[in-house]
Each structure stands twice: as C-alpha cells, then as structure tokens.
N, C-alpha and C. Protein backbone atom coordinates (compact mmCIF):
# COMPACT_ATOMS: atom_id res chain seq x y z
N UNK A 1 0.66 -0.71 0.15
CA UNK A 1 -0.49 -0.08 0.06
C UNK A 1 1.26 1.25 0.17
N UNK A 2 2.09 1.50 0.47
CA UNK A 2 2.70 2.44 1.15
C UNK A 2 4.37 2.15 0.65
N UNK A 3 3.74 3.33 -1.14
CA UNK A 3 5.43 2.98 -2.08
C UNK A 3 5.50 4.90 -2.44
N UNK A 4 4.67 5.53 -2.31
CA UNK A 4 5.18 7.33 -2.03
C UNK A 4 5.75 7.36 -1.60
N UNK A 5 7.37 8.11 -1.81
CA UNK A 5 8.29 8.42 -0.88
C UNK A 5 7.67 9.81 -0.24
N UNK A 6 6.68 10.50 -0.69
CA UNK A 6 6.51 11.91 -0.35
C UNK A 6 5.46 11.67 1.27
N UNK A 7 5.57 12.16 2.46
CA UNK A 7 4.77 11.79 2.72
C UNK A 7 3.12 13.30 2.99
N UNK A 8 2.17 12.56 2.93
CA UNK A 8 0.83 13.26 2.28
C UNK A 8 0.04 13.22 3.77
N UNK A 9 -0.56 14.73 4.21
CA UNK A 9 -1.46 15.16 5.64
C UNK A 9 -2.14 13.64 5.74
N UNK A 10 -2.88 12.58 5.56
CA UNK A 10 -3.28 11.87 5.52
C UNK A 10 -2.61 10.18 5.98
N UNK A 11 -1.01 10.36 5.39
CA UNK A 11 -0.13 9.75 5.96
C UNK A 11 0.46 9.66 7.81
N UNK A 12 0.36 10.78 7.48
CA UNK A 12 1.08 11.69 8.83
C UNK A 12 -0.01 11.32 9.92
N UNK A 13 -1.80 11.18 9.53
CA UNK A 13 -2.70 11.29 10.54
C UNK A 13 -2.64 9.66 10.90
N UNK A 14 -2.27 8.82 9.56
CA UNK A 14 -2.15 7.86 9.69
C UNK A 14 -0.83 6.77 10.85
N UNK A 15 0.08 7.98 10.98
CA UNK A 15 1.23 7.25 11.39
C UNK A 15 0.88 8.17 13.06
N UNK A 16 0.53 8.97 13.39
CA UNK A 16 -0.21 9.46 14.71
C UNK A 16 -1.00 8.72 15.30
N UNK A 17 -2.19 7.74 14.37
CA UNK A 17 -3.40 7.48 14.80
C UNK A 17 -2.76 5.65 15.25
N UNK A 18 -1.64 5.63 14.70
CA UNK A 18 -0.46 3.75 15.16
C UNK A 18 0.07 4.05 16.08
N UNK A 19 1.07 5.66 16.50
CA UNK A 19 1.71 5.47 17.48
C UNK A 19 0.70 5.96 18.14
N UNK A 20 -0.40 5.70 18.45
CA UNK A 20 -1.19 6.68 20.02
C UNK A 20 -1.63 5.18 19.58
N UNK A 21 -2.59 4.14 18.94
CA UNK A 21 -2.91 3.33 19.44
C UNK A 21 -1.78 1.74 19.94
N UNK A 22 -0.57 1.84 19.88
CA UNK A 22 0.61 1.62 20.64
C UNK A 22 0.49 1.93 22.12
N UNK A 23 0.43 3.22 22.19
CA UNK A 23 0.79 4.03 23.15
C UNK A 23 -0.91 3.02 23.92
N UNK A 24 -1.84 2.74 23.63
CA UNK A 24 -3.40 2.69 24.75
C UNK A 24 -3.44 1.33 24.66
N UNK A 25 -2.67 0.71 23.36
CA UNK A 25 -2.55 -1.13 23.88
C UNK A 25 -1.04 -1.33 24.38
N UNK A 26 -0.36 -0.51 24.81
CA UNK A 26 1.01 -0.13 25.89
C UNK A 26 0.37 -0.34 27.42
N UNK A 27 -1.04 -0.27 28.08
CA UNK A 27 -1.41 0.14 28.99
C UNK A 27 -2.59 -0.28 29.57
N UNK A 28 -3.00 -1.12 28.70
CA UNK A 28 -4.25 -1.44 29.06
C UNK A 28 -3.77 -2.70 30.35
N UNK A 29 -2.71 -2.80 30.86
CA UNK A 29 -3.07 -3.23 32.33
C UNK A 29 -2.52 -2.12 33.19
N UNK A 30 -2.47 -1.19 33.68
CA UNK A 30 -2.55 0.04 34.29
C UNK A 30 -4.10 -0.02 34.45
N UNK A 31 -4.82 -0.35 33.69
CA UNK A 31 -6.57 -0.45 34.98
C UNK A 31 -7.03 -1.96 35.28
N UNK A 32 -6.19 -2.78 35.14
CA UNK A 32 -5.98 -4.57 35.80
C UNK A 32 -4.87 -4.88 35.68
N UNK A 33 -3.85 -4.28 36.92
CA UNK A 33 -3.30 -4.56 37.18
C UNK A 33 -2.65 -6.00 37.12
N UNK A 34 -3.37 -7.25 37.33
CA UNK A 34 -2.75 -8.39 37.83
C UNK A 34 -2.94 -9.34 36.27
N UNK A 35 -3.16 -8.55 35.36
CA UNK A 35 -2.57 -9.16 33.90
C UNK A 35 -0.81 -8.94 33.50
N UNK A 36 -0.41 -9.76 34.23
CA UNK A 36 1.14 -9.00 34.20
C UNK A 36 1.44 -10.69 34.32
N UNK A 37 2.51 -11.18 33.84
CA UNK A 37 3.80 -12.34 34.08
C UNK A 37 4.82 -12.14 34.65
N UNK A 38 5.25 -12.38 35.64
CA UNK A 38 6.93 -11.92 35.55
C UNK A 38 6.86 -10.65 35.45
N UNK A 39 6.59 -9.85 36.22
CA UNK A 39 6.18 -8.77 36.30
C UNK A 39 6.82 -8.20 34.99
N UNK A 40 6.42 -8.59 33.95
CA UNK A 40 5.87 -7.75 32.53
C UNK A 40 4.30 -7.70 31.94
N UNK A 41 4.39 -6.65 31.68
CA UNK A 41 2.37 -6.47 31.59
C UNK A 41 2.37 -7.17 30.40
N UNK A 42 1.00 -7.74 29.87
CA UNK A 42 0.32 -7.86 28.97
C UNK A 42 -0.34 -6.81 28.49
N UNK A 43 0.33 -7.03 26.98
CA UNK A 43 -0.20 -5.78 26.18
C UNK A 43 -1.10 -6.49 24.73
N UNK A 44 -1.95 -5.79 23.86
CA UNK A 44 -1.94 -5.41 22.69
C UNK A 44 -0.77 -4.42 21.99
N UNK A 45 -0.04 -4.40 21.73
CA UNK A 45 0.95 -3.94 20.77
C UNK A 45 2.16 -4.90 19.54
N UNK A 46 1.79 -5.88 19.55
CA UNK A 46 2.10 -6.76 19.10
C UNK A 46 0.86 -6.93 17.85
N UNK A 47 -0.05 -6.90 18.65
CA UNK A 47 -1.28 -6.79 17.58
C UNK A 47 -1.29 -5.62 16.82
N UNK A 48 -1.05 -4.17 17.27
CA UNK A 48 -1.44 -2.67 16.93
C UNK A 48 0.49 -2.81 15.52
N UNK A 49 1.32 -3.39 16.30
CA UNK A 49 2.69 -2.88 15.16
C UNK A 49 2.56 -3.82 14.01
N UNK A 50 1.76 -5.55 13.81
CA UNK A 50 1.94 -5.84 12.98
C UNK A 50 0.12 -6.03 11.38
N UNK A 51 -0.84 -4.74 12.94
CA UNK A 51 -1.80 -4.52 11.71
C UNK A 51 -1.36 -3.26 10.66
N UNK A 52 -0.35 -2.26 11.62
CA UNK A 52 0.60 -0.80 10.93
C UNK A 52 0.96 -1.66 9.73
N UNK A 53 1.56 -3.13 9.06
CA UNK A 53 2.60 -2.96 8.48
C UNK A 53 1.73 -3.30 8.39
N UNK A 54 0.60 -4.38 7.82
CA UNK A 54 -0.45 -4.70 6.83
C UNK A 54 -1.42 -4.06 6.59
N UNK A 55 -1.44 -2.78 7.12
CA UNK A 55 -2.31 -1.81 6.21
C UNK A 55 -1.58 -0.41 5.94
N UNK A 56 -0.96 -0.18 6.49
CA UNK A 56 0.09 1.56 6.03
C UNK A 56 1.54 1.05 5.00
N UNK A 57 2.37 -0.70 5.03
CA UNK A 57 2.77 -0.57 4.10
C UNK A 57 4.28 -0.96 5.09
N UNK A 58 5.29 -0.97 4.45
CA UNK A 58 6.85 -1.39 5.07
C UNK A 58 6.79 0.37 5.80
N UNK A 59 6.94 1.54 4.71
CA UNK A 59 7.44 2.42 4.93
C UNK A 59 7.33 3.03 6.01
N UNK A 60 5.91 3.45 5.69
CA UNK A 60 4.86 4.39 6.92
C UNK A 60 3.92 2.84 8.92
N UNK A 61 4.55 1.62 7.81
CA UNK A 61 4.16 1.19 9.30
C UNK A 61 5.32 1.39 10.04
N UNK A 62 6.27 1.32 9.73
CA UNK A 62 8.07 1.59 10.54
C UNK A 62 7.73 2.64 10.54
N UNK A 63 7.48 3.85 10.12
CA UNK A 63 7.36 4.86 10.56
C UNK A 63 6.90 4.74 11.64
N UNK A 64 5.52 4.18 11.57
CA UNK A 64 4.48 4.51 12.71
C UNK A 64 5.12 4.47 14.67
N UNK A 65 5.99 3.08 13.85
CA UNK A 65 6.28 2.88 15.14
C UNK A 65 7.42 2.97 15.50
N UNK A 66 8.70 4.10 14.82
CA UNK A 66 9.56 4.64 15.03
C UNK A 66 9.30 5.80 15.60
N UNK A 67 7.62 6.90 15.84
CA UNK A 67 7.22 8.21 16.03
C UNK A 67 7.00 7.26 17.67
N UNK A 68 6.38 6.10 17.49
CA UNK A 68 5.67 5.60 19.06
C UNK A 68 7.19 5.66 19.69
N UNK A 69 8.22 4.77 19.24
CA UNK A 69 9.83 5.37 20.37
C UNK A 69 10.19 6.57 20.13
N UNK A 70 9.85 7.21 19.97
CA UNK A 70 10.62 8.20 19.85
C UNK A 70 9.76 9.14 21.03
N UNK A 71 8.18 8.85 20.79
CA UNK A 71 7.54 10.48 21.71
C UNK A 71 8.05 9.17 23.05
N UNK A 72 7.99 8.24 22.96
CA UNK A 72 8.58 7.52 24.40
C UNK A 72 9.41 7.88 25.29
N UNK A 73 10.47 7.75 24.21
CA UNK A 73 12.17 8.10 24.51
C UNK A 73 12.59 9.29 24.68
N UNK A 74 11.27 10.59 24.72
CA UNK A 74 11.13 12.34 25.16
C UNK A 74 10.91 12.03 26.43
N UNK A 75 9.82 10.83 27.01
CA UNK A 75 9.22 10.97 28.11
C UNK A 75 8.49 11.29 28.37
N UNK A 76 7.12 10.74 27.38
CA UNK A 76 5.10 11.22 27.26
C UNK A 76 4.90 9.59 27.65
N UNK A 77 4.41 9.40 28.76
CA UNK A 77 4.13 8.29 29.18
C UNK A 77 3.82 7.51 28.65
N UNK A 78 3.95 7.04 27.01
CA UNK A 78 3.39 6.19 26.37
C UNK A 78 3.59 4.24 26.34
N UNK A 79 5.28 4.36 26.96
CA UNK A 79 5.55 3.03 27.12
C UNK A 79 4.08 2.20 28.12
N UNK A 80 4.93 1.54 28.60
CA UNK A 80 3.42 0.26 29.64
C UNK A 80 3.97 0.71 30.81
N UNK A 81 2.54 0.28 31.58
CA UNK A 81 2.54 1.14 32.95
C UNK A 81 2.20 2.97 32.91
N UNK A 82 2.47 3.82 32.27
CA UNK A 82 2.44 4.97 31.72
C UNK A 82 3.74 5.35 31.69
N UNK A 83 4.98 4.82 31.57
CA UNK A 83 6.35 5.01 31.51
C UNK A 83 6.71 5.87 30.44
N UNK A 84 7.54 6.59 30.81
CA UNK A 84 8.70 7.25 29.62
C UNK A 84 10.50 7.32 29.81
N UNK A 85 10.91 8.39 28.73
CA UNK A 85 11.90 8.09 29.13
C UNK A 85 12.96 7.32 27.89
N UNK A 86 14.35 7.85 27.69
CA UNK A 86 14.89 6.66 27.13
C UNK A 86 15.62 5.31 27.66
N UNK A 87 15.68 5.93 28.99
CA UNK A 87 16.18 4.52 29.77
C UNK A 87 15.19 3.15 29.61
N UNK A 88 14.01 3.28 29.75
CA UNK A 88 13.09 1.76 29.18
C UNK A 88 13.81 1.31 27.86
N UNK A 89 14.61 1.54 26.89
CA UNK A 89 15.34 1.17 26.01
C UNK A 89 16.18 -0.12 26.42
N UNK A 90 16.53 0.60 27.73
CA UNK A 90 17.81 -0.21 27.75
C UNK A 90 17.34 -1.54 29.06
N UNK A 91 16.51 -1.49 29.45
CA UNK A 91 15.46 -2.41 30.07
C UNK A 91 15.70 -3.38 29.97
N UNK A 92 14.55 -4.28 30.59
CA UNK A 92 14.37 -6.09 29.67
C UNK A 92 13.75 -5.84 29.10
N UNK A 93 12.58 -5.30 28.72
CA UNK A 93 11.65 -4.86 27.80
C UNK A 93 12.13 -4.14 26.23
N UNK A 94 12.66 -3.21 26.83
CA UNK A 94 13.35 -2.95 25.93
C UNK A 94 13.44 -3.19 24.25
N UNK A 95 13.71 -4.66 24.09
CA UNK A 95 14.19 -4.98 22.82
C UNK A 95 12.44 -5.17 21.38
N UNK A 96 11.69 -5.58 22.54
CA UNK A 96 10.68 -5.03 22.02
C UNK A 96 9.75 -3.92 21.55
N UNK A 97 9.87 -2.61 21.96
CA UNK A 97 10.04 -1.75 21.34
C UNK A 97 10.55 -2.17 20.30
N UNK A 98 11.49 -1.91 20.12
CA UNK A 98 12.78 -1.71 19.17
C UNK A 98 11.82 -2.68 17.40
N UNK A 99 12.08 -4.06 18.59
CA UNK A 99 10.95 -5.06 17.19
C UNK A 99 10.23 -5.27 16.54
N UNK A 100 9.14 -4.06 17.03
CA UNK A 100 7.91 -3.57 16.78
C UNK A 100 8.42 -2.28 15.37
N UNK A 101 8.85 -2.15 15.62
CA UNK A 101 9.46 -1.14 14.17
C UNK A 101 10.32 -2.39 12.52
N UNK A 102 10.93 -2.74 13.66
CA UNK A 102 10.86 -4.14 12.51
C UNK A 102 10.09 -4.46 11.42
N UNK A 103 9.41 -5.40 13.05
CA UNK A 103 8.20 -6.58 12.10
C UNK A 103 7.29 -5.38 11.62
N UNK A 104 6.54 -4.43 11.60
CA UNK A 104 5.86 -3.21 10.38
C UNK A 104 6.64 -3.60 9.36
N UNK A 105 8.06 -3.46 9.89
CA UNK A 105 8.75 -2.77 8.18
C UNK A 105 8.62 -4.36 6.83
N UNK A 106 8.69 -5.50 7.77
CA UNK A 106 8.91 -6.36 7.18
C UNK A 106 7.22 -7.31 6.70
N UNK A 107 6.39 -7.16 7.93
CA UNK A 107 5.33 -7.32 8.09
C UNK A 107 4.55 -6.98 6.20
N UNK A 108 5.01 -5.47 6.45
CA UNK A 108 4.60 -4.77 4.86
C UNK A 108 4.89 -4.71 4.14
N UNK A 109 6.48 -5.09 4.25
CA UNK A 109 7.19 -5.07 2.59
C UNK A 109 6.45 -7.09 1.97
N UNK A 110 5.80 -7.80 2.77
CA UNK A 110 4.85 -8.84 2.55
C UNK A 110 4.13 -8.72 1.60
N UNK A 111 3.09 -7.60 2.36
CA UNK A 111 2.18 -7.30 1.55
C UNK A 111 2.57 -6.85 0.09
N UNK A 112 2.66 -5.54 0.63
CA UNK A 112 3.78 -4.85 -0.58
C UNK A 112 3.77 -5.88 -2.28
N UNK A 113 4.57 -7.47 -1.69
CA UNK A 113 5.30 -8.38 -2.71
C UNK A 113 4.44 -8.63 -3.78
N UNK A 114 2.81 -8.43 -2.72
CA UNK A 114 1.88 -9.14 -3.45
C UNK A 114 1.08 -8.05 -4.67
N UNK A 115 0.30 -8.12 -5.35
CA UNK A 115 -0.20 -7.23 -6.37
C UNK A 115 -1.70 -7.00 -5.71
N UNK A 116 -2.03 -8.49 -5.82
CA UNK A 116 -3.26 -8.45 -4.98
C UNK A 116 -3.63 -9.75 -3.79
N UNK A 117 -2.78 -9.35 -2.81
CA UNK A 117 -2.66 -10.27 -1.76
C UNK A 117 -3.44 -10.95 -0.85
N UNK A 118 -3.95 -11.59 -0.58
CA UNK A 118 -5.08 -12.51 -0.40
C UNK A 118 -4.94 -13.04 1.21
N UNK A 119 -5.31 -13.22 1.90
CA UNK A 119 -5.71 -13.93 3.01
C UNK A 119 -4.77 -15.28 3.69
N UNK A 120 -4.31 -15.90 2.58
CA UNK A 120 -3.27 -16.73 3.55
C UNK A 120 -2.30 -15.35 3.25
N UNK A 121 -1.69 -14.89 2.39
CA UNK A 121 -0.42 -13.46 2.27
C UNK A 121 -0.67 -12.47 3.91
N UNK A 122 -2.11 -12.55 4.55
CA UNK A 122 -2.04 -11.56 5.57
C UNK A 122 -1.68 -12.13 6.85
N UNK A 123 -2.06 -13.53 6.55
CA UNK A 123 -1.33 -14.64 7.69
C UNK A 123 -0.09 -14.90 7.57
N UNK A 124 0.47 -15.77 6.68
CA UNK A 124 2.15 -15.38 6.95
C UNK A 124 2.77 -14.21 7.21
N UNK A 125 2.62 -13.17 6.65
CA UNK A 125 3.07 -12.26 7.28
C UNK A 125 2.97 -11.43 8.73
N UNK A 126 1.50 -11.47 9.43
CA UNK A 126 1.12 -11.47 10.05
C UNK A 126 2.19 -12.89 11.14
N UNK A 127 2.36 -13.98 10.71
CA UNK A 127 3.54 -15.52 11.23
C UNK A 127 4.75 -14.36 11.65
N UNK A 128 4.90 -13.73 10.44
CA UNK A 128 6.85 -13.50 10.62
C UNK A 128 6.87 -12.65 11.33
N UNK A 129 5.90 -11.40 11.33
CA UNK A 129 5.91 -10.45 12.06
C UNK A 129 5.74 -10.38 14.01
N UNK A 130 4.74 -12.06 14.33
CA UNK A 130 4.77 -12.16 16.04
C UNK A 130 6.41 -12.99 16.13
N UNK A 131 6.37 -13.46 14.99
CA UNK A 131 8.08 -14.17 15.24
C UNK A 131 9.07 -13.36 15.54
N UNK A 132 9.35 -12.48 14.02
CA UNK A 132 10.60 -11.54 14.99
C UNK A 132 10.03 -10.36 16.16
N UNK A 133 9.25 -9.86 16.44
CA UNK A 133 8.96 -9.24 17.91
C UNK A 133 9.29 -10.32 18.65
N UNK A 134 8.80 -11.35 19.14
CA UNK A 134 9.57 -12.74 19.89
C UNK A 134 11.12 -12.59 20.26
N UNK A 135 11.63 -13.22 18.72
CA UNK A 135 12.59 -13.34 18.89
C UNK A 135 14.14 -12.72 18.77
N UNK A 136 13.50 -11.08 18.77
CA UNK A 136 13.78 -9.49 18.55
C UNK A 136 14.03 -9.84 20.51
N UNK A 137 12.87 -9.45 20.51
CA UNK A 137 12.14 -8.79 21.81
C UNK A 137 13.02 -10.38 22.71
N UNK A 138 13.38 -11.42 23.03
CA UNK A 138 13.60 -12.30 24.04
C UNK A 138 15.34 -12.50 24.22
N UNK A 139 15.59 -12.48 22.65
CA UNK A 139 16.53 -12.34 22.96
C UNK A 139 17.56 -11.13 23.76
N UNK A 140 16.66 -9.69 23.50
CA UNK A 140 17.54 -8.71 23.68
C UNK A 140 17.33 -9.09 25.64
N UNK A 141 15.89 -9.79 25.73
CA UNK A 141 16.08 -9.71 27.51
C UNK A 141 16.68 -10.18 28.01
N UNK A 142 17.13 -12.03 27.51
CA UNK A 142 18.55 -12.78 27.56
C UNK A 142 19.33 -11.47 27.89
N UNK A 143 19.78 -10.47 27.01
CA UNK A 143 21.09 -10.05 26.95
C UNK A 143 21.02 -8.87 28.31
N UNK A 144 20.04 -8.70 28.41
CA UNK A 144 19.61 -6.85 29.07
C UNK A 144 19.28 -7.61 29.83
N UNK A 145 18.85 -8.78 31.16
CA UNK A 145 19.11 -9.48 32.38
C UNK A 145 20.75 -9.61 32.87
N UNK A 146 21.02 -10.11 32.03
CA UNK A 146 22.12 -11.30 31.69
C UNK A 146 23.74 -10.28 31.75
N UNK A 147 23.89 -9.43 31.05
CA UNK A 147 25.15 -8.42 31.45
C UNK A 147 25.47 -6.93 31.52
N UNK A 148 23.52 -6.51 31.65
CA UNK A 148 23.94 -5.47 32.18
C UNK A 148 22.93 -4.81 32.80
N UNK A 149 22.34 -5.64 33.79
CA UNK A 149 21.15 -5.83 34.78
C UNK A 149 21.42 -6.59 35.87
N UNK A 150 22.42 -7.03 35.68
CA UNK A 150 22.31 -8.00 37.04
C UNK A 150 21.66 -8.45 37.64
N UNK A 151 20.33 -9.27 36.90
CA UNK A 151 19.77 -10.21 36.91
C UNK A 151 20.01 -12.28 36.51
N UNK A 152 21.16 -12.88 36.09
CA UNK A 152 20.80 -13.74 35.46
C UNK A 152 19.65 -14.04 35.27
N UNK A 153 19.37 -14.46 33.71
CA UNK A 153 18.75 -15.49 33.68
C UNK A 153 19.07 -16.58 32.62
N UNK A 154 18.59 -17.72 32.77
CA UNK A 154 18.88 -18.70 31.26
C UNK A 154 18.15 -18.09 30.33
N UNK A 155 18.87 -18.91 29.16
CA UNK A 155 18.47 -18.82 27.41
C UNK A 155 17.02 -19.12 27.56
N UNK A 156 17.25 -20.45 28.32
CA UNK A 156 15.28 -21.05 28.27
C UNK A 156 14.93 -20.86 29.38
N UNK A 157 14.96 -20.07 30.20
CA UNK A 157 14.43 -19.18 31.35
C UNK A 157 13.46 -17.89 30.26
N UNK A 158 14.48 -17.45 30.20
CA UNK A 158 13.72 -16.38 29.04
C UNK A 158 13.34 -16.49 28.40
N UNK A 159 12.93 -18.20 27.37
CA UNK A 159 11.96 -18.08 26.56
C UNK A 159 10.95 -18.70 27.22
N UNK A 160 10.80 -19.78 28.05
CA UNK A 160 9.55 -20.49 29.29
C UNK A 160 9.31 -19.00 29.53
N UNK A 161 9.63 -17.85 30.24
CA UNK A 161 9.25 -15.79 30.81
C UNK A 161 7.54 -16.05 29.14
N UNK A 162 8.69 -16.15 28.08
CA UNK A 162 7.51 -15.42 27.05
C UNK A 162 6.81 -16.58 26.63
N UNK A 163 6.79 -17.24 26.53
CA UNK A 163 5.84 -18.83 26.00
C UNK A 163 4.54 -18.27 26.54
N UNK A 164 4.32 -17.54 28.12
CA UNK A 164 2.97 -17.28 28.83
C UNK A 164 2.90 -16.64 28.17
N UNK A 165 2.86 -15.20 27.88
CA UNK A 165 2.32 -14.25 26.93
C UNK A 165 2.34 -15.39 24.90
N UNK A 166 2.24 -16.23 24.45
CA UNK A 166 2.54 -16.87 23.34
C UNK A 166 0.64 -17.09 23.16
N UNK A 167 0.06 -17.64 23.75
CA UNK A 167 -1.25 -18.00 23.43
C UNK A 167 -2.00 -16.83 22.63
N UNK A 168 -2.13 -15.81 23.90
CA UNK A 168 -2.23 -14.91 23.58
C UNK A 168 -2.70 -13.73 22.19
N UNK A 169 -0.79 -13.13 22.10
CA UNK A 169 -0.31 -12.89 20.44
C UNK A 169 -0.52 -14.21 19.39
N UNK A 170 -0.61 -15.15 19.36
CA UNK A 170 -1.27 -15.62 18.20
C UNK A 170 -2.56 -15.68 18.21
N UNK A 171 -3.27 -15.40 18.94
CA UNK A 171 -4.93 -15.52 18.39
C UNK A 171 -5.06 -14.32 18.38
N UNK A 172 -4.41 -13.08 19.25
CA UNK A 172 -4.31 -11.77 18.08
C UNK A 172 -4.22 -12.19 16.64
N UNK A 173 -2.81 -12.48 16.72
CA UNK A 173 -2.19 -12.53 15.31
C UNK A 173 -2.97 -13.00 14.29
N UNK A 174 -4.27 -14.02 14.82
CA UNK A 174 -5.28 -14.95 13.46
C UNK A 174 -6.45 -13.68 13.57
N UNK A 175 -6.94 -13.94 14.23
CA UNK A 175 -7.42 -12.27 14.58
C UNK A 175 -7.37 -11.48 13.78
N UNK A 176 -6.13 -10.46 13.93
CA UNK A 176 -5.32 -9.53 13.38
C UNK A 176 -5.52 -9.92 11.36
N UNK A 177 -4.84 -10.78 11.14
CA UNK A 177 -4.80 -11.27 9.89
C UNK A 177 -5.72 -11.07 9.39
N UNK A 178 -7.03 -11.36 9.23
CA UNK A 178 -8.76 -11.73 9.03
C UNK A 178 -8.79 -10.14 9.27
N UNK A 179 -8.94 -9.33 10.63
CA UNK A 179 -9.23 -8.13 10.37
C UNK A 179 -8.50 -7.22 9.15
N UNK A 180 -7.69 -7.62 8.82
CA UNK A 180 -6.63 -6.45 8.11
C UNK A 180 -6.79 -6.31 6.93
N UNK A 181 -7.41 -8.15 6.42
CA UNK A 181 -7.95 -7.75 4.60
C UNK A 181 -8.76 -7.68 4.98
N UNK A 182 -10.21 -7.48 5.84
CA UNK A 182 -11.28 -6.97 5.35
C UNK A 182 -10.88 -4.96 5.32
N UNK A 183 -10.09 -4.58 6.00
CA UNK A 183 -9.60 -3.14 6.16
C UNK A 183 -9.13 -3.43 5.04
N UNK A 184 -7.78 -3.40 4.29
CA UNK A 184 -7.43 -3.43 3.61
C UNK A 184 -8.40 -3.19 2.10
N UNK A 185 -9.25 -4.54 1.90
CA UNK A 185 -10.06 -4.07 1.01
C UNK A 185 -10.76 -2.92 0.71
N UNK A 186 -11.03 -2.65 1.43
CA UNK A 186 -12.22 -1.63 1.99
C UNK A 186 -11.23 -0.50 1.33
N UNK A 187 -9.79 -0.29 1.86
CA UNK A 187 -9.37 0.29 2.00
C UNK A 187 -8.86 0.71 0.57
N UNK A 188 -8.75 -0.52 -0.42
CA UNK A 188 -8.64 -0.54 -1.67
C UNK A 188 -9.73 0.98 -3.08
N UNK A 189 -10.83 0.71 -2.35
CA UNK A 189 -11.88 1.44 -3.09
C UNK A 189 -11.79 3.04 -2.11
N UNK A 190 -11.22 2.98 -1.37
CA UNK A 190 -10.91 4.85 -1.02
C UNK A 190 -10.03 5.60 -1.97
N UNK A 191 -10.47 7.07 -2.24
CA UNK A 191 -9.29 7.40 -2.91
C UNK A 191 -8.67 8.31 -2.46
N UNK A 192 -8.13 7.57 -1.67
CA UNK A 192 -6.32 7.00 -0.73
C UNK A 192 -6.17 5.94 -1.14
N UNK A 193 -6.28 5.15 -1.39
CA UNK A 193 -5.81 3.96 -2.13
C UNK A 193 -5.31 4.35 -2.91
N UNK A 194 -6.02 4.88 -4.54
CA UNK A 194 -5.85 4.98 -5.84
C UNK A 194 -5.25 6.07 -5.71
N UNK A 195 -5.31 7.60 -4.76
CA UNK A 195 -3.53 7.91 -5.54
C UNK A 195 -2.64 7.01 -4.67
N UNK A 196 -2.31 6.65 -3.77
CA UNK A 196 -1.01 6.31 -4.19
C UNK A 196 -0.88 4.87 -5.19
N UNK A 197 -1.91 4.21 -5.50
CA UNK A 197 -1.35 3.42 -6.34
C UNK A 197 -1.03 4.03 -7.82
N UNK A 198 -1.78 5.76 -7.85
CA UNK A 198 -1.33 6.58 -9.43
C UNK A 198 0.16 6.70 -8.97
N UNK A 199 0.05 7.54 -7.84
CA UNK A 199 1.82 7.87 -7.45
C UNK A 199 2.69 6.72 -8.21
N UNK A 200 2.35 5.68 -7.39
CA UNK A 200 3.30 4.65 -7.39
C UNK A 200 3.83 3.82 -9.03
N UNK A 201 3.02 4.41 -9.78
CA UNK A 201 2.78 4.03 -11.76
C UNK A 201 3.65 4.73 -12.00
C-alpha cells in the first residue's frame, strides 16, 4: 500500500493514529494490574505493530512504530505502565519496542510484494511479524538481564517466560490477519488508496 516516498496529510494522520494505538495497547494492564506475568504486562502492542505493517505498508508502518518509540524516549508516558524516557530502551523489555519497527517493516514488505494480497499473505505476514517480535524481544531480554541489569537468567528461562504470552499473541495474530484483510479491501476502493497507486505507477 505504501510506496510513494512523499508524506501526505493522511499519511501523517495514520502514523499518528497507530502511534497512539501503541500507547493504548501498552497500558491496558494499567487498569487491570493482575494481567502480568513475571512483572511483564500483557499488551496489545504486537497486534497493533503488525496491523500497522499490514495496512500502512513497510515505510509508514515502520515510521509509525519509530515515532511511537521517539515519543516514549522523549519522556511521554506511552510505554507500559504509563512510563517514558530513553532509559526504558535499556531495560529488559526494550527489545520489544525496537522489534515493533522491524516487524512492521517486514510485514509491510510481504504484503507489498503481492499485487493482490489475499488471506494467506496476510496470515503468513502476521506470523512472520509475531516471530520477529518474539525473537528480537526475547533475545534482547536475555542479554539485558544477564549483561547489564545484573539479574541472571538462563536462555531457556527467558523463552519459558515469554511462552506465557504466546497463546494470547497467536490468537491476536490470527484475528489481526482476518481483520487486516477486510480493512485492506475496503481501503482499495478509497480515494486514498487510488492516489497512492497512481503515484506508484
């Protein structure tokens, strides 16, 4: 969907919208503190990060995640637990924030590679996205706790901790694939989508 290099007003609006959705997804457990595993809050951030790539494309999807990260690093309380600041990136969950940028970009590229993407494309892209989020985030967590947070954890334990979240994220990934396809088809008939295709030609 996203191939034109020039940002338009609606592009900026969509980027801002997904950055806001990431902030909302990060803080769901602020109203339900019991929804935590090993002091790591459950969130809908993977869902929104992948959805950004599926609908906005590689460039805008990654930009929306990058903007979200910058807003949080600047001190706005948009990270989990209404936290903010650059130091968050160096904590155990910092790798997940970075992984959202990569996942949105790769997911977007997979959709863009198809002239008329169908459900298998959206599903495969979604699962590649969730794999990247877990792979980058979990490995970063392992490095963080063992090398600069002084809280040793075995590599196997790091993955066991994250498996508590897998069922939730797999369910959201499947739902997101179906939802993204419906929204994508609706956007195909919009003036915005037609404009982007015209610029890409």
